[in-house]
Amino acid sequence: QGIAVGKLMKVKQITTKKGDNMAFAVFSDTSGEKDFTIFPQVWEKVGEKLKIGEIYLLQVRTQSDRFNPNKIQFLLSNARQVNFKD
């Protein structure tokens, strides 16, 4: 588990074979863009709150990609929008 800050660049909702909604999202930070998988249980919690262009504090898990063990897959566990006040 880790914490990151990222700006939401894109999000694509899909429906699983079981009929659940989940999503794939791209967040950017100073190191570039990263692809995130948002599984159904998390998507149900945060999906309606995510808005393109907003900045979020991200709770992240990582795992090896099942098709390429040399690639790391980022899994979103939670997201909270960051509001900067003047």
Protein backbone atom coordinates (compact mmCIF):
# COMPACT_ATOMS: atom_id res chain seq x y z
CA GLN A 1 0.00 0.00 0.00
CA GLY A 2 1.19 3.50 -0.76
CA ILE A 3 -0.01 7.07 -1.07
CA ALA A 4 0.37 9.25 -4.15
CA VAL A 5 -0.97 12.53 -5.48
CA GLY A 6 -2.20 12.69 -9.05
CA LYS A 7 -4.31 14.67 -11.47
CA LEU A 8 -7.03 12.64 -13.19
CA MET A 9 -6.42 12.73 -16.93
CA LYS A 10 -8.93 10.15 -18.19
CA VAL A 11 -11.25 7.47 -16.93
CA LYS A 12 -13.07 4.70 -18.78
CA GLN A 13 -15.81 2.67 -17.11
CA ILE A 14 -16.39 -0.89 -18.26
CA THR A 15 -18.73 -3.70 -17.24
CA THR A 16 -17.20 -7.00 -16.11
CA LYS A 17 -18.40 -10.42 -17.28
CA LYS A 18 -20.27 -10.66 -13.96
CA GLY A 19 -22.09 -7.40 -14.73
CA ASP A 20 -20.19 -5.21 -12.24
CA ASN A 21 -18.88 -1.77 -13.17
CA MET A 22 -15.18 -1.04 -12.86
CA ALA A 23 -12.81 1.39 -14.54
CA PHE A 24 -9.39 2.15 -15.92
CA ALA A 25 -7.99 5.59 -15.16
CA VAL A 26 -4.90 7.63 -15.99
CA PHE A 27 -3.44 9.91 -13.33
CA SER A 28 -0.45 12.19 -13.89
CA ASP A 29 2.15 13.54 -11.50
CA THR A 30 5.60 15.04 -11.84
CA SER A 31 7.01 11.71 -13.06
CA GLY A 32 4.48 11.32 -15.87
CA GLU A 33 1.24 9.43 -16.44
CA LYS A 34 0.32 6.13 -14.80
CA ASP A 35 -2.49 3.71 -15.63
CA PHE A 36 -4.66 2.56 -12.75
CA THR A 37 -7.15 -0.27 -12.47
CA ILE A 38 -10.18 0.47 -10.30
CA PHE A 39 -11.93 -2.76 -9.33
CA PRO A 40 -15.73 -2.86 -8.79
CA GLN A 41 -15.75 -2.53 -4.99
CA VAL A 42 -13.55 0.61 -5.12
CA TRP A 43 -15.29 2.00 -8.23
CA GLU A 44 -18.61 1.83 -6.41
CA LYS A 45 -17.09 3.96 -3.62
CA VAL A 46 -15.18 6.58 -5.65
CA GLY A 47 -16.48 6.49 -9.23
CA GLU A 48 -19.04 9.28 -8.96
CA LYS A 49 -16.55 11.55 -7.16
CA LEU A 50 -13.82 11.40 -9.83
CA LYS A 51 -13.66 14.39 -12.18
CA ILE A 52 -11.19 14.91 -15.04
CA GLY A 53 -8.62 17.60 -14.29
CA GLU A 54 -8.99 17.44 -10.50
CA ILE A 55 -6.17 16.49 -8.13
CA TYR A 56 -6.53 13.51 -5.80
CA LEU A 57 -4.75 11.93 -2.90
CA LEU A 58 -4.57 8.29 -3.99
CA GLN A 59 -4.29 5.16 -1.91
CA VAL A 60 -2.50 2.69 -4.17
CA ARG A 61 -1.63 -1.00 -4.21
CA THR A 62 0.76 -2.54 -6.72
CA GLN A 63 1.03 -6.01 -8.16
CA SER A 64 2.85 -7.68 -11.01
CA ASP A 65 0.97 -7.60 -14.29
CA ARG A 66 -0.40 -11.09 -14.97
CA PHE A 67 0.66 -10.95 -18.64
CA ASN A 68 4.07 -9.35 -18.08
CA PRO A 69 5.76 -10.09 -14.72
CA ASN A 70 8.30 -7.28 -15.34
CA LYS A 71 5.51 -4.69 -15.43
CA ILE A 72 3.90 -3.24 -12.31
CA GLN A 73 0.13 -2.78 -12.24
CA PHE A 74 -1.30 0.07 -10.14
CA LEU A 75 -4.57 -0.65 -8.32
CA LEU A 76 -6.56 2.21 -6.81
CA SER A 77 -7.77 1.47 -3.25
CA ASN A 78 -9.22 4.90 -2.47
CA ALA A 79 -9.17 8.50 -3.73
CA ARG A 80 -9.86 11.79 -2.00
CA GLN A 81 -10.02 15.08 -3.89
CA VAL A 82 -7.49 17.69 -2.80
CA ASN A 83 -8.84 21.24 -2.59
CA PHE A 84 -6.26 24.00 -2.41
CA LYS A 85 -7.63 27.10 -0.72
CA ASP A 86 -6.09 30.58 -1.13
